[in-house]
Amino acid sequence: MGGISTLSASKHWHNIPTSAFPNNSRILNQFIDKITSIQFNHTFKSSGKENPFSCFALDASRESIPPLVVVGSANADLYVEIDRLPKEGETISAKTGQILAGGKGANQAVCGAKLAYPTYFLGQVGDDANGKLITDALEGGGVCLDRLSRLDDVPTGHAVVMLQAGGQNSIIIVGGANMACWPQTLPEEDLEVIKNAGIVLLQREIPDSVNIQVAKVAGSALVPVILDAGGVDAPIPIELFSFVDIFSPNESELARLTNMPTETFAQIIQAVGKCHKMGVKQVLVKLGAKGAIFFTEEEEPIIQPVISAPKVIDTTGAGDTFTASFAVALVEGKSKQECLRFAAAAASLCVQVKGAIPSMPDRKSVLDLLQSL
């Protein structure tokens, strides 16, 4: 296994203006010091010491703990492997094509369940072959589907995933059942599951109105809510932000939603500051090959470098893996630093396998990787 990649001290991550931290220059200075001082080796040897990650081991009382509840999308993903994206008006041939289960909600639910944490999925699929494909994948991953709805006259959501060399992808989604026919008020059985959750995960591949309702109910029961920014390319309602505990975009989503550049650390900090002004106190920014940063308003950011993979096959689902793994560690009571490291290890394993749901790692594999570093 590869080790933790060096966090580059390139010009992109320096010269952070004090205006990025208008209320606390001390935090800014500590942040810059941390960036410039972090050094990680690419190879590690076992120390033979006691496993420092034993805190992630399963405990006997697990059956009684409040579950992870994922409310979101489920898609049938059509994967096409291509050398490059087609130009306007151009037709190109794909090397291969296959249909796999996916969707941000389904991905995150399977990730939670494969990490051996009790997980519910609340979502909608059509009564069709793609719906069965997704249902089988969720059940195979160990997800509780008591609250999954099957719609008669609406097709299951689907997506086209254009997978390029090096594992990078471009995705087009068709909402289908994910965006249609949601009840104006969720059934009481759904609301009870949400109220009794340990943590709730939301994304933006279902209607904002559903997310707002879920977040309100969770908030009234003091259940923390994480909103993954991936999905609909539209502004997030301020009402939804007001009920979210942790907002989790990647850098391109952060740029789009704040209308601000995010190419440097300084720009990311300023964009996150705009999120704080919109009402979210905690922001988890996923930076792909550059790792992740957790921001809490008026506190020093926590930097998590990427844990490199020997070979990147497919990055589809890596962000969902990171978010869901972070949520699992968080609901288990781990520190933010531990949560980030656990999530980074899970995401590193995810990118080594083709497909979203098929690539979700189990807990043992994540712990084995952490122990090997």
Protein backbone atom coordinates (compact mmCIF):
# COMPACT_ATOMS: atom_id res chain seq x y z
CA MET A 1 0.00 0.00 0.00
CA GLY A 2 1.07 3.53 -0.66
CA GLY A 3 1.59 5.89 2.21
CA ILE A 4 0.29 9.36 2.82
CA SER A 5 1.25 11.69 0.00
CA THR A 6 3.29 14.77 0.74
CA LEU A 7 1.17 17.88 1.02
CA SER A 8 2.81 20.07 -1.56
CA ALA A 9 4.10 23.43 -0.44
CA SER A 10 3.29 24.99 -3.81
CA LYS A 11 2.55 28.65 -4.35
CA HIS A 12 -1.17 27.80 -4.56
CA TRP A 13 -1.30 27.20 -0.81
CA HIS A 14 0.69 30.21 0.35
CA ASN A 15 0.30 33.96 0.57
CA ILE A 16 -3.03 33.63 2.36
CA PRO A 17 -4.34 37.14 3.06
CA THR A 18 -5.33 38.08 6.60
CA SER A 19 -8.73 39.05 5.21
CA ALA A 20 -9.45 35.34 4.86
CA PHE A 21 -9.63 35.22 8.65
CA PRO A 22 -10.98 38.71 9.37
CA ASN A 23 -11.73 38.00 13.01
CA ASN A 24 -8.78 35.92 14.07
CA SER A 25 -5.28 36.42 12.68
CA ARG A 26 -3.91 33.88 15.20
CA ILE A 27 -5.89 31.11 13.50
CA LEU A 28 -4.54 32.23 10.11
CA ASN A 29 -0.93 32.14 11.31
CA GLN A 30 -1.35 28.69 12.86
CA PHE A 31 -2.97 27.47 9.64
CA ILE A 32 -0.08 28.70 7.48
CA ASP A 33 2.47 27.19 9.90
CA LYS A 34 0.72 23.83 9.70
CA ILE A 35 0.61 23.84 5.91
CA THR A 36 4.30 24.68 5.56
CA SER A 37 5.48 22.23 8.21
CA ILE A 38 3.58 19.06 7.30
CA GLN A 39 5.87 16.36 5.88
CA PHE A 40 4.81 12.82 5.14
CA ASN A 41 6.85 9.91 3.80
CA HIS A 42 5.57 7.71 0.99
CA THR A 43 6.61 4.47 2.67
CA PHE A 44 5.98 3.20 6.16
CA LYS A 45 7.08 0.26 8.23
CA SER A 46 5.12 -1.39 10.96
CA SER A 47 6.28 -0.25 14.37
CA GLY A 48 5.05 -3.35 16.13
CA LYS A 49 3.28 -1.13 18.65
CA GLU A 50 -0.26 -1.49 19.87
CA ASN A 51 -2.78 -0.68 17.14
CA PRO A 52 -3.53 3.05 17.46
CA PHE A 53 -6.78 2.53 15.54
CA SER A 54 -8.31 0.03 17.96
CA CYS A 55 -10.83 2.75 18.82
CA PHE A 56 -12.54 1.86 15.52
CA ALA A 57 -13.03 -1.79 16.50
CA LEU A 58 -16.61 -3.04 16.84
CA ASP A 59 -18.16 -3.28 20.28
CA ALA A 60 -20.65 -5.77 21.66
CA SER A 61 -23.39 -3.19 22.23
CA ARG A 62 -23.57 -2.25 18.54
CA GLU A 63 -27.10 -3.52 17.97
CA SER A 64 -28.58 -0.93 20.34
CA ILE A 65 -26.86 2.14 18.91
CA PRO A 66 -28.79 4.73 16.86
CA PRO A 67 -28.40 4.12 13.12
CA LEU A 68 -26.94 6.14 10.30
CA VAL A 69 -29.92 7.28 8.20
CA VAL A 70 -29.29 8.23 4.58
CA VAL A 71 -32.07 10.06 2.76
CA GLY A 72 -31.25 10.44 -0.90
CA SER A 73 -30.89 9.14 -4.41
CA ALA A 74 -30.44 5.75 -6.01
CA ASN A 75 -29.33 5.46 -9.65
CA ALA A 76 -28.47 2.86 -12.21
CA ASP A 77 -25.09 4.06 -13.52
CA LEU A 78 -24.18 3.39 -17.16
CA TYR A 79 -20.38 3.31 -17.21
CA VAL A 80 -18.60 4.01 -20.50
CA GLU A 81 -14.81 3.92 -20.64
CA ILE A 82 -13.39 6.50 -23.04
CA ASP A 83 -9.98 7.97 -23.85
CA ARG A 84 -11.33 11.52 -23.80
CA LEU A 85 -14.58 13.47 -23.72
CA PRO A 86 -16.19 14.07 -27.14
CA LYS A 87 -15.99 17.54 -28.66
CA GLU A 88 -19.12 19.42 -29.68
CA GLY A 89 -20.79 17.62 -32.59
CA GLU A 90 -18.41 14.66 -32.34
CA THR A 91 -19.19 10.96 -31.91
CA ILE A 92 -16.60 8.71 -30.29
CA SER A 93 -16.53 5.02 -29.37
CA ALA A 94 -16.33 3.69 -25.83
CA LYS A 95 -13.98 0.84 -24.94
CA THR A 96 -16.55 -0.83 -22.67
CA GLY A 97 -19.96 -0.19 -21.15
CA GLN A 98 -21.81 -1.68 -18.21
CA ILE A 99 -24.60 -0.82 -15.78
CA LEU A 100 -23.86 -0.70 -12.05
CA ALA A 101 -25.85 0.44 -9.02
CA GLY A 102 -25.06 3.92 -7.73
CA GLY A 103 -26.50 7.31 -6.81
CA LYS A 104 -25.08 9.46 -4.01
CA GLY A 105 -27.61 8.32 -1.43
CA ALA A 106 -27.27 4.63 -2.23
CA ASN A 107 -23.48 4.93 -2.33
CA GLN A 108 -23.33 6.52 1.11
CA ALA A 109 -25.78 4.01 2.58
CA VAL A 110 -23.80 1.01 1.35
CA CYS A 111 -20.60 2.60 2.59
CA GLY A 112 -22.05 2.98 6.09
CA ALA A 113 -23.35 -0.58 6.15
CA LYS A 114 -20.11 -2.09 4.81
CA LEU A 115 -18.28 -0.28 7.60
CA ALA A 116 -20.43 -2.43 9.91
CA TYR A 117 -22.58 0.44 11.15
CA PRO A 118 -26.40 -0.05 11.18
CA THR A 119 -27.71 1.96 8.22
CA TYR A 120 -31.15 2.85 6.88
CA PHE A 121 -31.80 4.13 3.37
CA LEU A 122 -34.84 6.31 2.68
CA GLY A 123 -35.35 6.82 -1.03
CA GLN A 124 -37.36 5.94 -4.13
CA VAL A 125 -36.81 3.62 -7.10
CA GLY A 126 -39.03 2.58 -9.97
CA ASP A 127 -40.69 -0.79 -10.27
CA ASP A 128 -38.32 -1.79 -13.07
CA ALA A 129 -35.11 -3.71 -13.78
CA ASN A 130 -32.91 -0.83 -12.66
CA GLY A 131 -34.87 -0.60 -9.43
CA LYS A 132 -34.21 -4.28 -8.78
CA LEU A 133 -30.52 -3.80 -9.59
CA ILE A 134 -30.26 -1.08 -6.94
CA THR A 135 -32.36 -2.93 -4.37
CA ASP A 136 -30.19 -6.02 -4.73
CA ALA A 137 -27.03 -3.93 -4.35
CA LEU A 138 -28.32 -2.19 -1.22
CA GLU A 139 -29.45 -5.45 0.34
CA GLY A 140 -26.16 -7.08 -0.59
CA GLY A 141 -24.36 -4.25 1.16
CA GLY A 142 -26.31 -4.81 4.37
CA VAL A 143 -28.52 -1.70 4.21
CA CYS A 144 -31.95 -1.73 5.89
CA LEU A 145 -34.56 -1.02 3.19
CA ASP A 146 -37.71 -0.91 5.32
CA ARG A 147 -38.29 2.70 4.21
CA LEU A 148 -37.42 2.34 0.51
CA SER A 149 -40.37 3.21 -1.75
CA ARG A 150 -41.02 1.59 -5.14
CA LEU A 151 -42.98 3.68 -7.65
CA ASP A 152 -45.14 2.05 -10.34
CA ASP A 153 -45.21 4.71 -13.06
CA VAL A 154 -41.83 6.43 -12.70
CA PRO A 155 -38.51 4.98 -13.92
CA THR A 156 -35.58 4.52 -11.58
CA GLY A 157 -33.06 7.36 -11.69
CA HIS A 158 -30.02 6.75 -13.82
CA ALA A 159 -26.72 8.32 -14.75
CA VAL A 160 -24.13 8.19 -17.52
CA VAL A 161 -20.61 7.96 -16.10
CA MET A 162 -17.90 8.79 -18.64
CA LEU A 163 -14.76 7.22 -17.20
CA GLN A 164 -11.47 8.48 -18.61
CA ALA A 165 -7.88 7.30 -18.28
CA GLY A 166 -6.49 7.84 -14.80
CA GLY A 167 -9.87 7.22 -13.15
CA GLN A 168 -11.29 10.72 -13.65
CA ASN A 169 -14.96 10.93 -14.59
CA SER A 170 -17.73 13.17 -15.84
CA ILE A 171 -21.31 12.34 -14.90
CA ILE A 172 -24.77 13.23 -16.20
CA ILE A 173 -27.74 12.28 -14.01
CA VAL A 174 -31.42 11.76 -14.87
CA GLY A 175 -33.52 12.16 -11.74
CA GLY A 176 -36.37 9.74 -12.43
CA ALA A 177 -37.87 8.40 -9.21
CA ASN A 178 -35.35 10.40 -7.16
CA MET A 179 -37.05 13.67 -8.10
CA ALA A 180 -40.67 12.58 -8.63
CA CYS A 181 -43.76 11.88 -6.55
CA TRP A 182 -42.34 12.51 -3.08
CA PRO A 183 -45.19 13.02 -0.58
CA GLN A 184 -45.72 16.57 0.63
CA THR A 185 -45.30 15.21 4.15
CA LEU A 186 -43.16 12.14 4.72
CA PRO A 187 -44.92 9.15 6.33
CA GLU A 188 -44.79 9.01 10.12
CA GLU A 189 -42.76 5.80 9.91
CA ASP A 190 -40.06 7.65 7.95
CA LEU A 191 -40.08 10.52 10.42
CA GLU A 192 -39.65 8.13 13.35
CA VAL A 193 -36.58 6.57 11.74
CA ILE A 194 -35.12 10.05 11.27
CA LYS A 195 -35.90 11.14 14.84
CA ASN A 196 -34.18 8.04 16.22
CA ALA A 197 -31.08 8.30 14.05
CA GLY A 198 -27.57 8.81 15.36
CA ILE A 199 -26.77 10.98 12.34
CA VAL A 200 -28.54 11.87 9.06
CA LEU A 201 -26.86 12.15 5.65
CA LEU A 202 -28.43 14.21 2.85
CA GLN A 203 -27.38 15.03 -0.73
CA ARG A 204 -28.81 17.14 -3.54
CA GLU A 205 -30.10 14.48 -5.93
CA ILE A 206 -33.58 14.62 -4.38
CA PRO A 207 -35.87 17.69 -4.07
CA ASP A 208 -34.73 20.44 -1.69
CA SER A 209 -38.20 20.35 -0.14
CA VAL A 210 -37.59 16.78 1.03
CA ASN A 211 -34.16 17.63 2.40
CA ILE A 212 -35.60 20.63 4.29
CA GLN A 213 -38.33 18.50 5.84
CA VAL A 214 -35.86 15.80 6.89
CA ALA A 215 -33.35 18.30 8.28
CA LYS A 216 -36.07 20.07 10.29
CA VAL A 217 -37.28 16.81 11.83
CA ALA A 218 -33.73 15.72 12.61
CA GLY A 219 -32.92 19.09 14.16
CA SER A 220 -36.00 18.98 16.37
CA ALA A 221 -34.77 15.62 17.70
CA LEU A 222 -31.18 16.94 18.13
CA VAL A 223 -29.91 14.55 15.46
CA PRO A 224 -26.88 15.98 13.58
CA VAL A 225 -27.28 16.48 9.82
CA ILE A 226 -24.56 16.35 7.17
CA LEU A 227 -25.43 17.78 3.74
CA ASP A 228 -23.29 16.61 0.83
CA ALA A 229 -23.33 19.34 -1.82
CA GLY A 230 -23.24 16.95 -4.79
CA GLY A 231 -26.24 16.82 -7.11
CA VAL A 232 -28.48 19.56 -8.47
CA ASP A 233 -26.62 22.53 -9.96
CA ALA A 234 -28.72 25.19 -8.22
CA PRO A 235 -28.41 27.47 -5.18
CA ILE A 236 -29.04 25.82 -1.82
CA PRO A 237 -32.04 27.29 0.01
CA ILE A 238 -31.00 29.28 3.08
CA GLU A 239 -33.74 27.46 5.00
CA LEU A 240 -31.95 24.16 4.38
CA PHE A 241 -28.60 25.60 5.46
CA SER A 242 -30.14 26.70 8.74
CA PHE A 243 -30.84 23.07 9.72
CA VAL A 244 -27.50 21.60 8.57
CA ASP A 245 -24.72 20.89 11.07
CA ILE A 246 -21.96 20.04 8.57
CA PHE A 247 -21.91 21.09 4.92
CA SER A 248 -19.66 18.97 2.70
CA PRO A 249 -18.81 20.18 -0.83
CA ASN A 250 -15.86 19.38 -3.02
CA GLU A 251 -13.85 22.35 -4.27
CA SER A 252 -15.76 22.73 -7.56
CA GLU A 253 -19.12 22.55 -5.76
CA LEU A 254 -17.88 25.08 -3.22
CA ALA A 255 -16.88 27.42 -6.06
CA ARG A 256 -20.19 27.04 -7.86
CA LEU A 257 -22.37 27.50 -4.79
CA THR A 258 -20.49 30.51 -3.44
CA ASN A 259 -19.66 32.09 -6.81
CA MET A 260 -16.05 32.33 -5.65
CA PRO A 261 -12.80 30.77 -6.91
CA THR A 262 -11.37 27.81 -4.97
CA GLU A 263 -8.03 27.16 -6.65
CA THR A 264 -5.90 28.09 -3.63
CA PHE A 265 -6.16 27.59 0.12
CA ALA A 266 -6.75 31.31 0.54
CA GLN A 267 -9.66 31.21 -1.90
CA ILE A 268 -11.10 28.09 -0.26
CA ILE A 269 -10.97 29.80 3.14
CA GLN A 270 -12.79 32.84 1.78
CA ALA A 271 -15.44 30.68 0.10
CA VAL A 272 -15.95 28.73 3.33
CA GLY A 273 -16.31 32.07 5.11
CA LYS A 274 -19.26 32.80 2.83
CA CYS A 275 -20.81 29.46 3.87
CA HIS A 276 -20.40 30.49 7.51
CA LYS A 277 -22.27 33.72 6.74
CA MET A 278 -25.06 31.65 5.18
CA GLY A 279 -25.54 29.87 8.50
CA VAL A 280 -23.35 26.74 8.42
CA LYS A 281 -20.74 26.68 11.19
CA GLN A 282 -18.92 23.52 10.05
CA VAL A 283 -17.75 22.85 6.50
CA LEU A 284 -15.94 19.72 5.30
CA VAL A 285 -14.25 20.46 1.97
CA LYS A 286 -13.15 17.46 -0.10
CA LEU A 287 -10.14 18.29 -2.26
CA GLY A 288 -9.61 15.05 -4.21
CA ALA A 289 -5.90 14.37 -4.64
CA LYS A 290 -5.10 17.22 -2.23
CA GLY A 291 -7.00 15.62 0.68
CA ALA A 292 -9.63 17.43 2.74
CA ILE A 293 -10.02 20.28 5.22
CA PHE A 294 -12.51 20.56 8.07
CA PHE A 295 -13.51 24.10 8.99
CA THR A 296 -15.30 25.20 12.14
CA GLU A 297 -16.19 28.87 12.38
CA GLU A 298 -13.61 30.84 14.40
CA GLU A 299 -11.40 27.76 14.89
CA GLU A 300 -8.23 26.50 13.26
CA PRO A 301 -8.93 24.34 10.18
CA ILE A 302 -8.00 20.66 10.36
CA ILE A 303 -6.00 19.43 7.36
CA GLN A 304 -6.17 15.83 6.18
CA PRO A 305 -3.72 14.94 3.39
CA VAL A 306 -4.77 12.30 0.90
CA ILE A 307 -3.75 8.71 1.57
CA SER A 308 -2.38 7.71 -1.81
CA ALA A 309 -3.50 4.61 -3.68
CA PRO A 310 -1.03 2.40 -5.60
CA LYS A 311 -3.23 2.84 -8.67
CA VAL A 312 -6.36 4.92 -9.25
CA ILE A 313 -8.94 2.96 -11.25
CA ASP A 314 -12.14 4.97 -10.77
CA THR A 315 -12.84 8.05 -8.62
CA THR A 316 -16.62 7.63 -8.90
CA GLY A 317 -18.02 7.32 -5.38
CA ALA A 318 -14.83 8.45 -3.64
CA GLY A 319 -16.47 11.60 -2.32
CA ASP A 320 -19.49 9.63 -1.11
CA THR A 321 -17.17 7.15 0.59
CA PHE A 322 -15.31 9.97 2.31
CA THR A 323 -18.49 11.67 3.54
CA ALA A 324 -20.17 8.48 4.75
CA SER A 325 -17.02 7.17 6.45
CA PHE A 326 -16.57 10.51 8.19
CA ALA A 327 -20.20 10.31 9.37
CA VAL A 328 -19.75 6.78 10.73
CA ALA A 329 -16.65 7.74 12.69
CA LEU A 330 -18.36 10.90 13.95
CA VAL A 331 -21.47 9.11 15.22
CA GLU A 332 -19.16 6.63 16.94
CA GLY A 333 -17.78 9.52 18.98
CA LYS A 334 -14.38 9.89 17.34
CA SER A 335 -12.51 13.21 17.19
CA LYS A 336 -12.62 15.24 13.97
CA GLN A 337 -8.98 14.31 13.29
CA GLU A 338 -9.78 10.59 13.68
CA CYS A 339 -12.87 10.97 11.49
CA LEU A 340 -10.87 12.60 8.71
CA ARG A 341 -8.14 9.97 8.79
CA PHE A 342 -10.66 7.12 8.78
CA ALA A 343 -12.47 8.73 5.81
CA ALA A 344 -9.23 9.29 3.90
CA ALA A 345 -8.31 5.62 4.25
CA ALA A 346 -11.75 4.50 3.07
CA ALA A 347 -11.61 6.82 0.05
CA SER A 348 -8.11 5.57 -0.83
CA LEU A 349 -9.45 2.01 -1.03
CA CYS A 350 -12.53 3.13 -2.97
CA VAL A 351 -10.61 4.57 -5.94
CA GLN A 352 -8.83 1.26 -6.52
CA VAL A 353 -12.01 -0.50 -7.66
CA LYS A 354 -14.30 0.24 -10.62
CA GLY A 355 -17.85 1.32 -9.86
CA ALA A 356 -19.36 3.25 -6.97
CA ILE A 357 -21.14 0.70 -4.77
CA PRO A 358 -18.79 -2.19 -5.71
CA SER A 359 -15.83 -0.08 -4.55
CA MET A 360 -17.05 0.65 -1.01
CA PRO A 361 -14.55 -0.88 1.46
CA ASP A 362 -15.35 -2.87 4.58
CA ARG A 363 -14.18 -1.84 8.05
CA LYS A 364 -11.42 -4.43 8.27
CA SER A 365 -9.84 -3.22 5.04
CA VAL A 366 -9.90 0.38 6.26
CA LEU A 367 -8.33 -0.55 9.61
CA ASP A 368 -5.72 -2.72 7.91
CA LEU A 369 -4.73 0.21 5.70
CA LEU A 370 -4.52 2.60 8.65
CA GLN A 371 -2.43 0.11 10.59
CA SER A 372 -0.04 -0.28 7.63
CA LEU A 373 0.77 3.44 7.44
